[in-house]
Structures are given as C-alpha cells and as structure tokens.
C-alpha cells in the first residue's frame, strides 16, 4: 500500500499514477506464483496398486518438491475440518467449486494446512495467502501427497 504524506493532492495523484504500472506488474507476478504453486501440486502422480494380498499407493513427485520445500507460498480458499471459532488445521483448495470431501478423483487439488498459530475470526471459503513448509507424504497406504506445516498468513 502506498502512503503519501504531506503532499499536495496533485503530486499525490501523480505518485499514485506513476506506481500503478508497478503495482499491476507485481499483481501479475503474484498471480503467476499462485498458479505455479497449484500446478506443482497438481503435477503429483498417484497410482493405486491392488493385488490379492497387497495395497499400495505409489506417488511420483515433481523434482521441485520431491524433498519438500521449506518456504512454500500458496493462495487458496479455506475449508475447515471442524466447526470451531479458532482453527489450526484445515484444507486449502484452489477453487471453492472443488469438493475435497466428495470422494471423487475429479475434486481437484487440495492441501492440508497446519497453522503455526490458530486462525481466529476466519470465514469458511475465505481467500487466504499462506507461507509454510511443504512436506511430501510418502506413506504407501494413503492418497494424501502433501501437507503444509507451520503456516503463516502473508
């Protein structure tokens, strides 16, 4: 946010006008980064292998995240796991039209998030930008592929 103090309104308008292209360019970069975060998560390949005696979920992670990422930024929409006033754990989805609990493989990409500090006064479906550590989940018994831990609001 640009704060202009002690300037005439003509000069203030000029400063705002001059910074508008920079602000627009920054928002396009931010939008690009958000899309890239979701694209990386969507690029994870999951294969379910069932035999008469075994069950395995094989996961192939993009190189960018195969060892996790200490600082991962993402923007999405909050889907709470509980009906409480404060939450520390929730699901983040890229689009509120996706149903992470419907059991369909077409539900879209989602990410489980654990906050460093609980969210207070949040609204279900609220858009939020987070930074946290992205960890891959290699457990061959679950379809879950990633989790963000120690997340903070940006």
C-alpha atoms as a PDB file:
ATOM      1  CA  UNK A   1       0.000   0.000   0.000  1.00  0.00           C
ATOM      2  CA  UNK A   2       1.304   3.400  -0.929  1.00  0.00           C
ATOM      3  CA  UNK A   3       1.092   6.033   1.790  1.00  0.00           C
ATOM      4  CA  UNK A   4       1.540   9.635   0.710  1.00  0.00           C
ATOM      5  CA  UNK A   5       2.048  12.224   3.449  1.00  0.00           C
ATOM      6  CA  UNK A   6       2.390  15.999   3.317  1.00  0.00           C
ATOM      7  CA  UNK A   7       1.995  16.299  -0.446  1.00  0.00           C
ATOM      8  CA  UNK A   8      -0.445  18.351  -2.449  1.00  0.00           C
ATOM      9  CA  UNK A   9      -3.235  16.298  -3.967  1.00  0.00           C
ATOM     10  CA  UNK A  10      -1.845  16.948  -7.465  1.00  0.00           C
ATOM     11  CA  UNK A  11       1.535  15.462  -6.510  1.00  0.00           C
ATOM     12  CA  UNK A  12      -0.160  12.601  -4.619  1.00  0.00           C
ATOM     13  CA  UNK A  13      -2.186  11.701  -7.687  1.00  0.00           C
ATOM     14  CA  UNK A  14       0.976  11.812  -9.787  1.00  0.00           C
ATOM     15  CA  UNK A  15       2.761   9.420  -7.418  1.00  0.00           C
ATOM     16  CA  UNK A  16      -0.190   7.032  -7.441  1.00  0.00           C
ATOM     17  CA  UNK A  17      -0.372   7.177 -11.238  1.00  0.00           C
ATOM     18  CA  UNK A  18       3.362   6.514 -11.533  1.00  0.00           C
ATOM     19  CA  UNK A  19       3.237   3.487  -9.238  1.00  0.00           C
ATOM     20  CA  UNK A  20       0.151   1.925 -10.857  1.00  0.00           C
ATOM     21  CA  UNK A  21       2.135   0.031 -13.540  1.00  0.00           C
ATOM     22  CA  UNK A  22       4.480  -1.336 -10.862  1.00  0.00           C
ATOM     23  CA  UNK A  23       1.537  -2.449  -8.729  1.00  0.00           C
ATOM     24  CA  UNK A  24      -0.141  -4.107 -11.719  1.00  0.00           C
ATOM     25  CA  UNK A  25       3.072  -5.873 -12.693  1.00  0.00           C
ATOM     26  CA  UNK A  26       3.521  -7.126  -9.123  1.00  0.00           C
ATOM     27  CA  UNK A  27      -0.023  -8.486  -9.049  1.00  0.00           C
ATOM     28  CA  UNK A  28       0.589 -10.424 -12.281  1.00  0.00           C
ATOM     29  CA  UNK A  29       3.764 -11.915 -10.814  1.00  0.00           C
ATOM     30  CA  UNK A  30       1.841 -12.828  -7.650  1.00  0.00           C
ATOM     31  CA  UNK A  31      -0.949 -14.447  -9.694  1.00  0.00           C
ATOM     32  CA  UNK A  32       1.676 -16.383 -11.679  1.00  0.00           C
ATOM     33  CA  UNK A  33       3.289 -17.657  -8.481  1.00  0.00           C
ATOM     34  CA  UNK A  34      -0.092 -18.745  -7.098  1.00  0.00           C
ATOM     35  CA  UNK A  35      -0.884 -20.677 -10.265  1.00  0.00           C
ATOM     36  CA  UNK A  36       2.578 -22.272 -10.211  1.00  0.00           C
ATOM     37  CA  UNK A  37       2.062 -23.472  -6.627  1.00  0.00           C
ATOM     38  CA  UNK A  38      -1.190 -25.218  -7.536  1.00  0.00           C
ATOM     39  CA  UNK A  39       0.301 -26.572 -10.782  1.00  0.00           C
ATOM     40  CA  UNK A  40       3.193 -28.139  -8.851  1.00  0.00           C
ATOM     41  CA  UNK A  41       0.748 -29.864  -6.501  1.00  0.00           C
ATOM     42  CA  UNK A  42      -1.466 -30.980  -9.398  1.00  0.00           C
ATOM     43  CA  UNK A  43       1.579 -32.500 -11.147  1.00  0.00           C
ATOM     44  CA  UNK A  44       1.961 -35.161  -8.454  1.00  0.00           C
ATOM     45  CA  UNK A  45       1.134 -38.550  -9.964  1.00  0.00           C
ATOM     46  CA  UNK A  46      -0.702 -41.075  -7.808  1.00  0.00           C
ATOM     47  CA  UNK A  47      -1.224 -44.703  -8.751  1.00  0.00           C
ATOM     48  CA  UNK A  48      -3.223 -47.190  -6.684  1.00  0.00           C
ATOM     49  CA  UNK A  49      -1.937 -50.771  -6.909  1.00  0.00           C
ATOM     50  CA  UNK A  50      -4.171 -53.523  -5.549  1.00  0.00           C
ATOM     51  CA  UNK A  51      -3.363 -57.233  -5.621  1.00  0.00           C
ATOM     52  CA  UNK A  52      -4.968 -60.185  -3.870  1.00  0.00           C
ATOM     53  CA  UNK A  53      -2.686 -59.655  -0.877  1.00  0.00           C
ATOM     54  CA  UNK A  54      -1.353 -56.093  -1.048  1.00  0.00           C
ATOM     55  CA  UNK A  55      -2.431 -52.488  -1.326  1.00  0.00           C
ATOM     56  CA  UNK A  56      -0.082 -49.678  -2.297  1.00  0.00           C
ATOM     57  CA  UNK A  57      -0.386 -46.046  -3.322  1.00  0.00           C
ATOM     58  CA  UNK A  58       2.591 -45.040  -5.445  1.00  0.00           C
ATOM     59  CA  UNK A  59       3.379 -41.334  -5.642  1.00  0.00           C
ATOM     60  CA  UNK A  60       5.675 -39.574  -8.060  1.00  0.00           C
ATOM     61  CA  UNK A  61       6.553 -36.017  -7.060  1.00  0.00           C
ATOM     62  CA  UNK A  62       7.790 -33.254  -9.368  1.00  0.00           C
ATOM     63  CA  UNK A  63      11.502 -32.586  -8.837  1.00  0.00           C
ATOM     64  CA  UNK A  64      10.711 -29.153  -7.389  1.00  0.00           C
ATOM     65  CA  UNK A  65       9.015 -30.682  -4.336  1.00  0.00           C
ATOM     66  CA  UNK A  66      10.266 -34.272  -4.036  1.00  0.00           C
ATOM     67  CA  UNK A  67      12.268 -33.358  -0.906  1.00  0.00           C
ATOM     68  CA  UNK A  68       9.749 -30.821   0.372  1.00  0.00           C
ATOM     69  CA  UNK A  69      10.112 -27.037   0.362  1.00  0.00           C
ATOM     70  CA  UNK A  70      10.987 -25.052   3.487  1.00  0.00           C
ATOM     71  CA  UNK A  71       9.249 -21.894   2.271  1.00  0.00           C
ATOM     72  CA  UNK A  72       6.204 -22.526   0.057  1.00  0.00           C
ATOM     73  CA  UNK A  73       3.706 -19.759  -0.742  1.00  0.00           C
ATOM     74  CA  UNK A  74       0.177 -20.519  -1.883  1.00  0.00           C
ATOM     75  CA  UNK A  75      -3.184 -18.773  -2.138  1.00  0.00           C
ATOM     76  CA  UNK A  76      -6.467 -20.616  -1.862  1.00  0.00           C
ATOM     77  CA  UNK A  77      -9.776 -20.931  -0.054  1.00  0.00           C
ATOM     78  CA  UNK A  78     -10.324 -22.247   3.487  1.00  0.00           C
ATOM     79  CA  UNK A  79     -12.328 -25.439   4.008  1.00  0.00           C
ATOM     80  CA  UNK A  80     -12.439 -26.058   7.789  1.00  0.00           C
ATOM     81  CA  UNK A  81     -12.173 -29.563   9.217  1.00  0.00           C
ATOM     82  CA  UNK A  82     -14.103 -28.621  12.366  1.00  0.00           C
ATOM     83  CA  UNK A  83     -16.859 -26.233  13.351  1.00  0.00           C
ATOM     84  CA  UNK A  84     -14.857 -24.210  15.884  1.00  0.00           C
ATOM     85  CA  UNK A  85     -14.229 -20.470  16.301  1.00  0.00           C
ATOM     86  CA  UNK A  86     -10.446 -20.982  16.038  1.00  0.00           C
ATOM     87  CA  UNK A  87      -8.785 -23.461  13.725  1.00  0.00           C
ATOM     88  CA  UNK A  88      -5.231 -24.642  13.306  1.00  0.00           C
ATOM     89  CA  UNK A  89      -5.888 -27.349  10.716  1.00  0.00           C
ATOM     90  CA  UNK A  90      -7.917 -27.008   7.530  1.00  0.00           C
ATOM     91  CA  UNK A  91      -7.958 -27.855   3.851  1.00  0.00           C
ATOM     92  CA  UNK A  92      -6.937 -25.257   1.279  1.00  0.00           C
ATOM     93  CA  UNK A  93      -8.433 -25.538  -2.219  1.00  0.00           C
ATOM     94  CA  UNK A  94      -7.608 -23.580  -5.355  1.00  0.00           C
ATOM     95  CA  UNK A  95     -11.263 -23.089  -6.258  1.00  0.00           C
ATOM     96  CA  UNK A  96     -14.332 -23.218  -3.994  1.00  0.00           C
ATOM     97  CA  UNK A  97     -16.071 -25.271  -6.688  1.00  0.00           C
ATOM     98  CA  UNK A  98     -13.840 -28.232  -5.793  1.00  0.00           C
ATOM     99  CA  UNK A  99     -15.145 -30.632  -3.167  1.00  0.00           C
ATOM    100  CA  UNK A 100     -12.257 -32.152  -1.200  1.00  0.00           C
ATOM    101  CA  UNK A 101     -14.613 -34.435   0.755  1.00  0.00           C
ATOM    102  CA  UNK A 102     -16.781 -35.866  -2.032  1.00  0.00           C
ATOM    103  CA  UNK A 103     -14.537 -38.878  -2.690  1.00  0.00           C
ATOM    104  CA  UNK A 104     -14.339 -38.270  -6.424  1.00  0.00           C
ATOM    105  CA  UNK A 105     -10.915 -38.180  -8.083  1.00  0.00           C
ATOM    106  CA  UNK A 106     -12.144 -35.174 -10.096  1.00  0.00           C
ATOM    107  CA  UNK A 107     -12.425 -32.974  -6.992  1.00  0.00           C
ATOM    108  CA  UNK A 108      -9.296 -31.004  -7.836  1.00  0.00           C
ATOM    109  CA  UNK A 109      -6.137 -30.318  -5.917  1.00  0.00           C
ATOM    110  CA  UNK A 110      -6.291 -29.603  -2.211  1.00  0.00           C
ATOM    111  CA  UNK A 111      -3.724 -29.126   0.525  1.00  0.00           C
ATOM    112  CA  UNK A 112      -3.962 -29.895   4.224  1.00  0.00           C
ATOM    113  CA  UNK A 113      -2.627 -26.958   6.252  1.00  0.00           C
ATOM    114  CA  UNK A 114      -1.460 -26.771   9.862  1.00  0.00           C
ATOM    115  CA  UNK A 115      -1.043 -23.188  11.075  1.00  0.00           C
ATOM    116  CA  UNK A 116       1.746 -22.026  13.384  1.00  0.00           C
ATOM    117  CA  UNK A 117      -0.928 -20.063  15.287  1.00  0.00           C
ATOM    118  CA  UNK A 118      -4.691 -20.677  15.168  1.00  0.00           C
ATOM    119  CA  UNK A 119      -6.839 -18.624  12.812  1.00  0.00           C
ATOM    120  CA  UNK A 120      -9.415 -16.544  14.659  1.00  0.00           C
ATOM    121  CA  UNK A 121     -12.443 -14.923  13.080  1.00  0.00           C
ATOM    122  CA  UNK A 122     -11.994 -16.713   9.764  1.00  0.00           C
ATOM    123  CA  UNK A 123     -14.805 -17.296   7.329  1.00  0.00           C
ATOM    124  CA  UNK A 124     -15.345 -20.604   5.528  1.00  0.00           C
ATOM    125  CA  UNK A 125     -14.434 -20.107   1.889  1.00  0.00           C
ATOM    126  CA  UNK A 126     -12.286 -17.062   2.656  1.00  0.00           C
ATOM    127  CA  UNK A 127      -9.378 -16.481   0.298  1.00  0.00           C
ATOM    128  CA  UNK A 128      -6.034 -16.607   2.073  1.00  0.00           C
ATOM    129  CA  UNK A 129      -2.340 -16.477   1.161  1.00  0.00           C
ATOM    130  CA  UNK A 130      -0.008 -18.610   3.248  1.00  0.00           C
ATOM    131  CA  UNK A 131       3.670 -19.367   3.633  1.00  0.00           C
ATOM    132  CA  UNK A 132       4.814 -22.558   5.307  1.00  0.00           C
ATOM    133  CA  UNK A 133       6.884 -25.690   4.933  1.00  0.00           C
ATOM    134  CA  UNK A 134       5.556 -28.092   2.300  1.00  0.00           C
ATOM    135  CA  UNK A 135       6.209 -31.714   3.157  1.00  0.00           C
ATOM    136  CA  UNK A 136       5.645 -34.692   0.900  1.00  0.00           C
ATOM    137  CA  UNK A 137       3.811 -37.709   2.282  1.00  0.00           C
ATOM    138  CA  UNK A 138       5.345 -40.920   1.011  1.00  0.00           C
ATOM    139  CA  UNK A 139       3.231 -43.327   3.091  1.00  0.00           C
ATOM    140  CA  UNK A 140       2.119 -46.020   0.599  1.00  0.00           C
ATOM    141  CA  UNK A 141      -1.182 -46.559   2.467  1.00  0.00           C
ATOM    142  CA  UNK A 142      -2.679 -43.090   1.886  1.00  0.00           C
ATOM    143  CA  UNK A 143      -3.633 -40.983  -1.131  1.00  0.00           C
ATOM    144  CA  UNK A 144      -2.570 -37.819   0.702  1.00  0.00           C
ATOM    145  CA  UNK A 145       0.513 -36.449  -1.031  1.00  0.00           C
ATOM    146  CA  UNK A 146       1.466 -33.219   0.761  1.00  0.00           C
ATOM    147  CA  UNK A 147       0.881 -31.154   3.861  1.00  0.00           C
ATOM    148  CA  UNK A 148       1.842 -27.586   4.718  1.00  0.00           C
ATOM    149  CA  UNK A 149       3.026 -27.134   8.289  1.00  0.00           C
ATOM    150  CA  UNK A 150       3.930 -24.126  10.407  1.00  0.00           C
ATOM    151  CA  UNK A 151       1.951 -21.887   8.043  1.00  0.00           C
ATOM    152  CA  UNK A 152       1.629 -18.111   8.465  1.00  0.00           C
ATOM    153  CA  UNK A 153      -0.690 -15.659   6.748  1.00  0.00           C
ATOM    154  CA  UNK A 154       1.066 -13.353   4.286  1.00  0.00           C
END
